[in-house]
């Protein structure tokens, strides 16, 4: 099983992928994706989710679990039986828990990814995300679309560059 989260990000079962992308890119990939309707989808978030309110619950067969500590997160991952596990990274889960906990979570994600499709998602990476992403099979960084500069406004007729005609010896394409 595979699905496209973004035109440049294809996720496959049997892999653990880490994804860094803007929220609107991830929401566009999750909402109204016909592949996600056919599989059990577990969405795991921490204390606060930035993308859960934007997910169209009718477009996916979704179960939502929240972890308030890193140890609850480990428990949720060990109990998972879903085809797709999507973990929204929350750095606050690892504060005060010690550095080894984030590596344990990363190892649990890697092991779970051997049989299911596992995605570790963050809008912007931090130290704990990078530690866990080192264990991922694939890491994707998707940039937000560049803001296009505004189109120049049409101005009134300005000063004419060559009021007396072209400089001597210069021709236009029409004169060739």
N, C-alpha and C. Protein backbone atom coordinates (compact mmCIF):
# COMPACT_ATOMS: atom_id res chain seq x y z
N UNK A 1 0.85 -1.16 0.00
CA UNK A 1 0.00 0.00 0.00
C UNK A 1 0.90 1.23 0.00
N UNK A 2 0.50 2.21 -0.80
CA UNK A 2 1.22 3.47 -0.82
C UNK A 2 0.25 4.60 -1.14
N UNK A 3 0.61 5.80 -0.70
CA UNK A 3 -0.18 6.97 -1.06
C UNK A 3 0.73 8.19 -1.12
N UNK A 4 0.28 9.16 -1.88
CA UNK A 4 1.04 10.39 -2.07
C UNK A 4 0.55 11.43 -1.08
N UNK A 5 1.44 11.83 -0.19
CA UNK A 5 1.14 12.91 0.73
C UNK A 5 1.32 14.26 0.04
N UNK A 6 2.20 14.27 -0.93
CA UNK A 6 2.54 15.47 -1.71
C UNK A 6 3.07 14.91 -3.03
N UNK A 7 3.07 15.69 -4.12
CA UNK A 7 3.59 15.14 -5.38
C UNK A 7 5.02 14.61 -5.28
N UNK A 8 5.81 15.12 -4.35
CA UNK A 8 7.18 14.64 -4.21
C UNK A 8 7.36 13.70 -3.01
N UNK A 9 6.28 13.35 -2.31
CA UNK A 9 6.36 12.49 -1.13
C UNK A 9 5.40 11.32 -1.29
N UNK A 10 5.94 10.15 -1.59
CA UNK A 10 5.14 8.93 -1.68
C UNK A 10 5.49 8.06 -0.48
N UNK A 11 4.49 7.71 0.30
CA UNK A 11 4.68 6.91 1.51
C UNK A 11 4.25 5.48 1.23
N UNK A 12 5.05 4.53 1.72
CA UNK A 12 4.81 3.10 1.45
C UNK A 12 4.70 2.32 2.75
N UNK A 13 3.91 1.26 2.72
CA UNK A 13 3.81 0.40 3.89
C UNK A 13 5.14 -0.33 4.08
N UNK A 14 5.41 -0.67 5.31
CA UNK A 14 6.67 -1.32 5.63
C UNK A 14 7.82 -0.34 5.75
N UNK A 15 7.51 0.94 5.90
CA UNK A 15 8.55 1.96 6.06
C UNK A 15 8.20 2.91 7.19
N UNK A 16 9.23 3.48 7.76
CA UNK A 16 9.12 4.55 8.73
C UNK A 16 9.67 5.80 8.06
N UNK A 17 8.80 6.79 7.84
CA UNK A 17 9.20 8.02 7.16
C UNK A 17 9.05 9.20 8.10
N UNK A 18 10.00 10.11 8.04
CA UNK A 18 9.92 11.37 8.77
C UNK A 18 9.65 12.47 7.76
N UNK A 19 8.71 13.33 8.06
CA UNK A 19 8.29 14.38 7.13
C UNK A 19 8.30 15.73 7.83
N UNK A 20 8.98 16.68 7.22
CA UNK A 20 8.95 18.07 7.68
C UNK A 20 8.30 18.86 6.55
N UNK A 21 7.14 19.46 6.85
CA UNK A 21 6.38 20.17 5.83
C UNK A 21 5.44 21.16 6.49
N UNK A 22 5.02 22.17 5.74
CA UNK A 22 4.00 23.08 6.28
C UNK A 22 2.68 22.35 6.49
N UNK A 23 1.90 22.85 7.43
CA UNK A 23 0.63 22.18 7.76
C UNK A 23 -0.30 22.08 6.57
N UNK A 24 -0.36 23.12 5.75
CA UNK A 24 -1.31 23.10 4.63
C UNK A 24 -0.95 22.03 3.61
N UNK A 25 0.33 21.71 3.48
CA UNK A 25 0.76 20.65 2.56
C UNK A 25 0.29 19.29 3.07
N UNK A 26 0.46 19.06 4.37
CA UNK A 26 0.06 17.78 4.96
C UNK A 26 -1.46 17.63 4.95
N UNK A 27 -2.16 18.69 5.28
CA UNK A 27 -3.63 18.62 5.26
C UNK A 27 -4.14 18.34 3.85
N UNK A 28 -3.54 18.94 2.86
CA UNK A 28 -3.96 18.68 1.47
C UNK A 28 -3.73 17.22 1.11
N UNK A 29 -2.67 16.60 1.62
CA UNK A 29 -2.39 15.20 1.33
C UNK A 29 -3.28 14.23 2.08
N UNK A 30 -3.73 14.63 3.26
CA UNK A 30 -4.57 13.74 4.07
C UNK A 30 -6.05 13.86 3.73
N UNK A 31 -6.50 15.05 3.45
CA UNK A 31 -7.93 15.27 3.18
C UNK A 31 -8.29 14.81 1.78
N UNK A 32 -9.40 14.14 1.69
CA UNK A 32 -9.96 13.68 0.42
C UNK A 32 -9.02 12.79 -0.37
N UNK A 33 -8.20 12.02 0.33
CA UNK A 33 -7.32 11.06 -0.32
C UNK A 33 -8.06 9.71 -0.32
N UNK A 34 -8.47 9.21 -1.48
CA UNK A 34 -9.29 7.99 -1.52
C UNK A 34 -8.58 6.76 -0.95
N UNK A 35 -7.27 6.73 -0.97
CA UNK A 35 -6.54 5.57 -0.45
C UNK A 35 -6.74 5.44 1.05
N UNK A 36 -6.82 6.57 1.75
CA UNK A 36 -6.90 6.55 3.21
C UNK A 36 -8.25 6.08 3.74
N UNK A 37 -9.26 6.03 2.90
CA UNK A 37 -10.58 5.56 3.32
C UNK A 37 -10.60 4.05 3.52
N UNK A 38 -9.70 3.35 2.85
CA UNK A 38 -9.73 1.88 2.86
C UNK A 38 -8.94 1.25 3.99
N UNK A 39 -8.14 2.04 4.72
CA UNK A 39 -7.24 1.46 5.72
C UNK A 39 -7.48 2.08 7.09
N UNK A 40 -7.13 1.32 8.13
CA UNK A 40 -7.22 1.84 9.49
C UNK A 40 -6.08 2.84 9.69
N UNK A 41 -6.43 4.04 10.09
CA UNK A 41 -5.51 5.16 10.19
C UNK A 41 -5.48 5.63 11.64
N UNK A 42 -4.32 5.58 12.26
CA UNK A 42 -4.15 6.07 13.63
C UNK A 42 -3.41 7.38 13.60
N UNK A 43 -4.04 8.42 14.13
CA UNK A 43 -3.42 9.73 14.24
C UNK A 43 -3.08 9.93 15.71
N UNK A 44 -1.79 10.12 15.99
CA UNK A 44 -1.33 10.31 17.36
C UNK A 44 -0.76 11.71 17.49
N UNK A 45 -1.24 12.43 18.48
CA UNK A 45 -0.71 13.76 18.73
C UNK A 45 -0.32 13.86 20.19
N UNK A 46 0.37 14.92 20.50
CA UNK A 46 0.77 15.18 21.88
C UNK A 46 -0.22 16.08 22.57
N UNK A 47 0.31 16.97 23.37
CA UNK A 47 -0.53 17.89 24.14
C UNK A 47 -1.34 18.82 23.25
N UNK A 48 -0.81 19.16 22.09
CA UNK A 48 -1.46 20.11 21.21
C UNK A 48 -1.22 19.68 19.77
N UNK A 49 -2.29 19.67 18.97
CA UNK A 49 -2.16 19.31 17.56
C UNK A 49 -2.46 20.52 16.70
N UNK A 50 -1.59 20.77 15.74
CA UNK A 50 -1.78 21.88 14.83
C UNK A 50 -2.59 21.48 13.60
N UNK A 51 -2.58 20.18 13.23
CA UNK A 51 -3.28 19.79 12.01
C UNK A 51 -4.56 19.00 12.25
N UNK A 52 -4.77 18.47 13.42
CA UNK A 52 -5.99 17.67 13.68
C UNK A 52 -7.28 18.44 13.41
N UNK A 53 -7.39 19.70 13.82
CA UNK A 53 -8.65 20.41 13.52
C UNK A 53 -8.91 20.56 12.02
N UNK A 54 -7.90 20.51 11.18
CA UNK A 54 -8.09 20.67 9.74
C UNK A 54 -8.34 19.39 8.98
N UNK A 55 -8.27 18.23 9.65
CA UNK A 55 -8.48 16.96 8.96
C UNK A 55 -9.98 16.73 8.77
N UNK A 56 -10.36 16.41 7.54
CA UNK A 56 -11.75 16.09 7.21
C UNK A 56 -12.00 14.66 7.68
N UNK A 57 -12.75 14.51 8.74
CA UNK A 57 -12.97 13.18 9.34
C UNK A 57 -13.74 12.25 8.43
N UNK A 58 -14.44 12.79 7.45
CA UNK A 58 -15.18 11.94 6.51
C UNK A 58 -14.29 11.36 5.43
N UNK A 59 -13.10 11.94 5.27
CA UNK A 59 -12.24 11.49 4.18
C UNK A 59 -11.31 10.36 4.58
N UNK A 60 -11.17 10.08 5.88
CA UNK A 60 -10.29 9.00 6.32
C UNK A 60 -10.99 8.18 7.40
N UNK A 61 -10.62 6.92 7.48
CA UNK A 61 -11.09 6.03 8.53
C UNK A 61 -10.11 6.21 9.68
N UNK A 62 -10.34 7.22 10.52
CA UNK A 62 -9.32 7.68 11.46
C UNK A 62 -9.68 7.37 12.91
N UNK A 63 -8.66 7.00 13.66
CA UNK A 63 -8.76 6.89 15.10
C UNK A 63 -7.73 7.86 15.66
N UNK A 64 -8.13 8.65 16.63
CA UNK A 64 -7.26 9.66 17.21
C UNK A 64 -6.90 9.27 18.63
N UNK A 65 -5.61 9.30 18.92
CA UNK A 65 -5.10 9.04 20.27
C UNK A 65 -4.19 10.19 20.65
N UNK A 66 -4.25 10.59 21.89
CA UNK A 66 -3.40 11.67 22.38
C UNK A 66 -2.51 11.14 23.49
N UNK A 67 -1.25 11.53 23.42
CA UNK A 67 -0.28 11.16 24.45
C UNK A 67 0.11 12.43 25.20
N UNK A 68 0.02 12.39 26.51
CA UNK A 68 0.38 13.56 27.31
C UNK A 68 1.78 13.43 27.89
N UNK A 69 2.36 12.24 27.80
CA UNK A 69 3.76 12.02 28.20
C UNK A 69 4.42 11.12 27.18
N UNK A 70 5.71 11.09 27.17
CA UNK A 70 6.43 10.22 26.24
C UNK A 70 6.18 8.74 26.56
N UNK A 71 5.93 8.42 27.81
CA UNK A 71 5.66 7.04 28.17
C UNK A 71 4.29 6.59 27.67
N UNK A 72 3.30 7.50 27.68
CA UNK A 72 2.00 7.18 27.08
C UNK A 72 2.16 6.98 25.57
N UNK A 73 3.00 7.78 24.95
CA UNK A 73 3.25 7.62 23.52
C UNK A 73 3.85 6.25 23.22
N UNK A 74 4.82 5.82 24.00
CA UNK A 74 5.41 4.49 23.81
C UNK A 74 4.34 3.41 23.95
N UNK A 75 3.46 3.56 24.91
CA UNK A 75 2.38 2.59 25.12
C UNK A 75 1.44 2.54 23.92
N UNK A 76 1.07 3.71 23.39
CA UNK A 76 0.18 3.77 22.22
C UNK A 76 0.84 3.09 21.02
N UNK A 77 2.12 3.34 20.81
CA UNK A 77 2.82 2.75 19.67
C UNK A 77 2.93 1.23 19.80
N UNK A 78 3.16 0.75 21.00
CA UNK A 78 3.29 -0.70 21.20
C UNK A 78 1.96 -1.43 21.02
N UNK A 79 0.83 -0.75 21.28
CA UNK A 79 -0.49 -1.35 21.15
C UNK A 79 -1.08 -1.24 19.75
N UNK A 80 -0.45 -0.48 18.88
CA UNK A 80 -1.05 -0.17 17.59
C UNK A 80 -1.21 -1.41 16.70
N UNK A 81 -2.37 -1.49 16.05
CA UNK A 81 -2.67 -2.56 15.11
C UNK A 81 -3.10 -1.98 13.75
N UNK A 82 -2.88 -0.69 13.55
CA UNK A 82 -3.37 0.03 12.39
C UNK A 82 -2.46 -0.16 11.17
N UNK A 83 -3.03 0.09 10.01
CA UNK A 83 -2.27 0.00 8.76
C UNK A 83 -1.38 1.22 8.58
N UNK A 84 -1.87 2.38 9.01
CA UNK A 84 -1.13 3.64 8.91
C UNK A 84 -1.09 4.28 10.29
N UNK A 85 0.11 4.65 10.72
CA UNK A 85 0.29 5.36 11.98
C UNK A 85 0.95 6.70 11.65
N UNK A 86 0.25 7.78 11.98
CA UNK A 86 0.72 9.13 11.71
C UNK A 86 0.93 9.82 13.05
N UNK A 87 2.18 10.13 13.37
CA UNK A 87 2.52 10.76 14.64
C UNK A 87 2.91 12.21 14.40
N UNK A 88 2.13 13.12 14.96
CA UNK A 88 2.49 14.54 14.91
C UNK A 88 3.43 14.81 16.07
N UNK A 89 4.63 15.23 15.75
CA UNK A 89 5.67 15.43 16.75
C UNK A 89 5.31 16.58 17.70
N UNK A 90 5.50 16.34 19.00
CA UNK A 90 5.31 17.36 20.02
C UNK A 90 6.52 17.30 20.95
N UNK A 91 7.38 18.30 20.85
CA UNK A 91 8.62 18.32 21.63
C UNK A 91 8.37 18.39 23.13
N UNK A 92 7.21 18.90 23.54
CA UNK A 92 6.93 19.02 24.98
C UNK A 92 6.80 17.66 25.67
N UNK A 93 6.57 16.60 24.91
CA UNK A 93 6.46 15.26 25.51
C UNK A 93 7.78 14.77 26.09
N UNK A 94 8.88 15.32 25.60
CA UNK A 94 10.20 14.81 25.97
C UNK A 94 10.91 15.70 26.97
N UNK A 95 10.30 16.82 27.34
CA UNK A 95 10.92 17.72 28.30
C UNK A 95 10.98 17.06 29.67
N UNK A 96 12.15 17.00 30.24
CA UNK A 96 12.34 16.42 31.56
C UNK A 96 12.32 14.91 31.60
N UNK A 97 12.16 14.25 30.46
CA UNK A 97 12.08 12.79 30.44
C UNK A 97 13.45 12.16 30.22
N UNK A 98 14.44 12.94 29.84
CA UNK A 98 15.75 12.38 29.56
C UNK A 98 15.92 12.10 28.08
N UNK A 99 17.15 12.16 27.62
CA UNK A 99 17.44 11.99 26.20
C UNK A 99 17.18 10.60 25.66
N UNK A 100 17.22 9.59 26.53
CA UNK A 100 17.04 8.22 26.03
C UNK A 100 15.60 7.93 25.63
N UNK A 101 14.63 8.69 26.12
CA UNK A 101 13.23 8.44 25.80
C UNK A 101 12.95 8.72 24.33
N UNK A 102 13.50 9.81 23.80
CA UNK A 102 13.26 10.11 22.39
C UNK A 102 13.88 9.03 21.50
N UNK A 103 15.01 8.47 21.89
CA UNK A 103 15.59 7.38 21.10
C UNK A 103 14.74 6.11 21.23
N UNK A 104 14.11 5.90 22.38
CA UNK A 104 13.20 4.75 22.54
C UNK A 104 11.97 4.91 21.65
N UNK A 105 11.44 6.12 21.58
CA UNK A 105 10.29 6.38 20.70
C UNK A 105 10.70 6.18 19.25
N UNK A 106 11.87 6.68 18.87
CA UNK A 106 12.36 6.48 17.51
C UNK A 106 12.53 5.02 17.17
N UNK A 107 13.05 4.25 18.10
CA UNK A 107 13.21 2.81 17.89
C UNK A 107 11.86 2.12 17.78
N UNK A 108 10.88 2.53 18.58
CA UNK A 108 9.53 1.96 18.48
C UNK A 108 8.91 2.27 17.13
N UNK A 109 9.12 3.50 16.64
CA UNK A 109 8.60 3.87 15.32
C UNK A 109 9.27 3.04 14.22
N UNK A 110 10.57 2.82 14.35
CA UNK A 110 11.29 2.02 13.36
C UNK A 110 10.78 0.58 13.34
N UNK A 111 10.58 -0.01 14.51
CA UNK A 111 10.08 -1.39 14.59
C UNK A 111 8.65 -1.49 14.07
N UNK A 112 7.82 -0.52 14.43
CA UNK A 112 6.44 -0.52 13.95
C UNK A 112 6.40 -0.35 12.43
N UNK A 113 7.35 0.41 11.90
CA UNK A 113 7.42 0.65 10.46
C UNK A 113 7.80 -0.57 9.64
N UNK A 114 8.24 -1.62 10.26
CA UNK A 114 8.56 -2.84 9.52
C UNK A 114 7.31 -3.55 9.02
N UNK A 115 6.17 -3.31 9.69
CA UNK A 115 4.94 -3.98 9.28
C UNK A 115 3.83 -3.02 8.85
N UNK A 116 3.96 -1.75 9.16
CA UNK A 116 2.93 -0.78 8.81
C UNK A 116 3.58 0.43 8.15
N UNK A 117 2.76 1.37 7.75
CA UNK A 117 3.25 2.64 7.22
C UNK A 117 3.27 3.62 8.39
N UNK A 118 4.45 4.10 8.76
CA UNK A 118 4.61 4.99 9.90
C UNK A 118 5.15 6.33 9.41
N UNK A 119 4.50 7.41 9.86
CA UNK A 119 4.93 8.76 9.50
C UNK A 119 5.13 9.55 10.78
N UNK A 120 6.31 10.12 10.92
CA UNK A 120 6.61 11.07 11.99
C UNK A 120 6.61 12.44 11.33
N UNK A 121 5.70 13.31 11.76
CA UNK A 121 5.53 14.60 11.10
C UNK A 121 5.86 15.75 12.04
N UNK A 122 6.51 16.78 11.50
CA UNK A 122 6.75 18.03 12.22
C UNK A 122 6.69 19.18 11.23
N UNK A 123 6.13 20.28 11.67
CA UNK A 123 6.11 21.48 10.82
C UNK A 123 7.50 22.08 10.74
N UNK A 124 8.26 21.98 11.83
CA UNK A 124 9.66 22.42 11.83
C UNK A 124 10.43 21.49 12.77
N UNK A 125 11.60 21.05 12.35
CA UNK A 125 12.34 20.07 13.15
C UNK A 125 12.98 20.71 14.37
N UNK A 126 13.16 19.89 15.39
CA UNK A 126 13.93 20.28 16.57
C UNK A 126 14.88 19.14 16.90
N UNK A 127 15.56 19.25 18.01
CA UNK A 127 16.59 18.25 18.36
C UNK A 127 15.99 16.85 18.53
N UNK A 128 14.85 16.73 19.23
CA UNK A 128 14.27 15.40 19.45
C UNK A 128 13.72 14.81 18.15
N UNK A 129 13.15 15.65 17.31
CA UNK A 129 12.68 15.16 16.01
C UNK A 129 13.85 14.63 15.20
N UNK A 130 14.95 15.36 15.16
CA UNK A 130 16.12 14.94 14.39
C UNK A 130 16.69 13.62 14.93
N UNK A 131 16.67 13.42 16.25
CA UNK A 131 17.14 12.15 16.83
C UNK A 131 16.29 10.98 16.34
N UNK A 132 14.99 11.17 16.33
CA UNK A 132 14.09 10.10 15.89
C UNK A 132 14.17 9.91 14.37
N UNK A 133 14.34 10.99 13.63
CA UNK A 133 14.40 10.91 12.17
C UNK A 133 15.65 10.18 11.69
N UNK A 134 16.70 10.15 12.50
CA UNK A 134 17.91 9.39 12.12
C UNK A 134 17.62 7.90 11.95
N UNK A 135 16.59 7.42 12.64
CA UNK A 135 16.23 6.00 12.55
C UNK A 135 15.24 5.71 11.43
N UNK A 136 14.75 6.76 10.77
CA UNK A 136 13.75 6.59 9.72
C UNK A 136 14.36 6.00 8.46
N UNK A 137 13.53 5.27 7.71
CA UNK A 137 13.97 4.74 6.42
C UNK A 137 14.13 5.86 5.41
N UNK A 138 13.22 6.83 5.47
CA UNK A 138 13.25 7.96 4.54
C UNK A 138 12.87 9.23 5.28
N UNK A 139 13.52 10.34 4.92
CA UNK A 139 13.23 11.64 5.51
C UNK A 139 12.90 12.61 4.37
N UNK A 140 11.77 13.30 4.50
CA UNK A 140 11.33 14.25 3.48
C UNK A 140 11.27 15.65 4.09
N UNK A 141 11.83 16.60 3.37
CA UNK A 141 11.71 18.02 3.73
C UNK A 141 10.98 18.70 2.58
N UNK A 142 9.78 19.20 2.86
CA UNK A 142 8.98 19.88 1.84
C UNK A 142 8.92 21.35 2.22
N UNK A 143 9.38 22.19 1.31
CA UNK A 143 9.35 23.63 1.57
C UNK A 143 7.98 24.19 1.20
N UNK A 144 7.64 25.28 1.85
CA UNK A 144 6.38 25.93 1.51
C UNK A 144 6.54 26.63 0.17
N UNK A 145 5.46 26.72 -0.57
CA UNK A 145 5.56 27.38 -1.87
C UNK A 145 6.07 28.81 -1.69
N UNK A 146 7.02 29.19 -2.52
CA UNK A 146 7.61 30.52 -2.39
C UNK A 146 6.56 31.58 -2.70
N UNK A 147 6.59 32.60 -1.91
CA UNK A 147 5.65 33.69 -2.15
C UNK A 147 6.06 34.43 -3.42
N UNK A 148 5.11 34.56 -4.31
CA UNK A 148 5.39 35.22 -5.58
C UNK A 148 5.36 36.72 -5.37
N UNK A 149 6.30 37.43 -5.94
CA UNK A 149 6.25 38.89 -5.80
C UNK A 149 5.03 39.43 -6.53
N UNK A 150 4.48 40.51 -6.02
CA UNK A 150 3.30 41.06 -6.70
C UNK A 150 3.65 41.55 -8.09
N UNK A 151 2.69 41.42 -8.98
CA UNK A 151 2.89 41.85 -10.37
C UNK A 151 3.04 43.37 -10.39
N UNK A 152 3.92 43.87 -11.24
CA UNK A 152 4.09 45.33 -11.30
C UNK A 152 2.81 45.98 -11.81
N UNK A 153 2.52 47.12 -11.23
CA UNK A 153 1.32 47.84 -11.64
C UNK A 153 1.59 48.62 -12.92
N UNK A 154 0.58 48.69 -13.74
CA UNK A 154 0.71 49.47 -14.97
C UNK A 154 0.71 50.95 -14.61
N UNK A 155 1.64 51.64 -15.14
CA UNK A 155 1.74 53.06 -14.87
C UNK A 155 1.26 53.83 -16.09
N UNK A 156 1.02 55.11 -15.87
CA UNK A 156 0.67 55.97 -17.00
C UNK A 156 1.88 56.10 -17.92
N UNK A 157 1.67 56.64 -19.07
CA UNK A 157 2.76 56.77 -20.03
C UNK A 157 3.88 57.59 -19.42
N UNK A 158 5.02 56.98 -19.34
CA UNK A 158 6.19 57.65 -18.76
C UNK A 158 7.00 58.36 -19.82
N UNK A 159 8.20 58.67 -19.45
CA UNK A 159 9.11 59.35 -20.37
C UNK A 159 9.52 58.40 -21.46
N UNK A 160 9.54 58.85 -22.68
CA UNK A 160 9.94 58.02 -23.81
C UNK A 160 11.46 57.92 -23.83
N UNK A 161 11.97 56.71 -24.02
CA UNK A 161 13.42 56.51 -23.92
C UNK A 161 14.17 57.18 -25.07
N UNK A 162 13.72 57.00 -26.28
CA UNK A 162 14.38 57.60 -27.45
C UNK A 162 13.35 58.43 -28.21
N UNK A 163 13.10 59.66 -27.78
CA UNK A 163 12.05 60.44 -28.43
C UNK A 163 12.34 60.74 -29.89
N UNK A 164 13.57 60.82 -30.27
CA UNK A 164 13.88 61.14 -31.67
C UNK A 164 14.10 59.91 -32.51
N UNK A 165 13.81 58.74 -32.02
CA UNK A 165 14.05 57.50 -32.74
C UNK A 165 15.23 56.76 -32.14
N UNK A 166 15.58 55.64 -32.71
CA UNK A 166 16.66 54.81 -32.19
C UNK A 166 18.01 55.48 -32.46
N UNK A 167 19.00 55.20 -31.62
CA UNK A 167 20.33 55.73 -31.88
C UNK A 167 20.83 55.24 -33.24
N UNK A 168 21.74 56.02 -33.81
CA UNK A 168 22.27 55.70 -35.15
C UNK A 168 22.89 54.32 -35.20
N UNK A 169 22.60 53.55 -36.20
CA UNK A 169 23.18 52.23 -36.41
C UNK A 169 22.41 51.11 -35.73
N UNK A 170 21.42 51.42 -34.96
CA UNK A 170 20.66 50.39 -34.26
C UNK A 170 19.35 50.15 -35.01
N UNK A 171 18.99 48.87 -35.18
CA UNK A 171 17.79 48.54 -35.93
C UNK A 171 16.87 47.71 -35.05
N UNK A 172 15.62 47.71 -35.41
CA UNK A 172 14.66 46.83 -34.75
C UNK A 172 14.54 45.55 -35.56
N UNK A 173 13.89 44.56 -34.98
CA UNK A 173 13.70 43.30 -35.71
C UNK A 173 12.80 43.51 -36.93
N UNK A 174 11.95 44.48 -36.87
CA UNK A 174 11.08 44.73 -38.00
C UNK A 174 11.83 45.28 -39.20
N UNK A 175 13.01 45.89 -38.98
CA UNK A 175 13.77 46.47 -40.06
C UNK A 175 14.75 45.50 -40.67
N UNK A 176 14.83 44.28 -40.18
CA UNK A 176 15.79 43.31 -40.70
C UNK A 176 15.21 42.56 -41.86
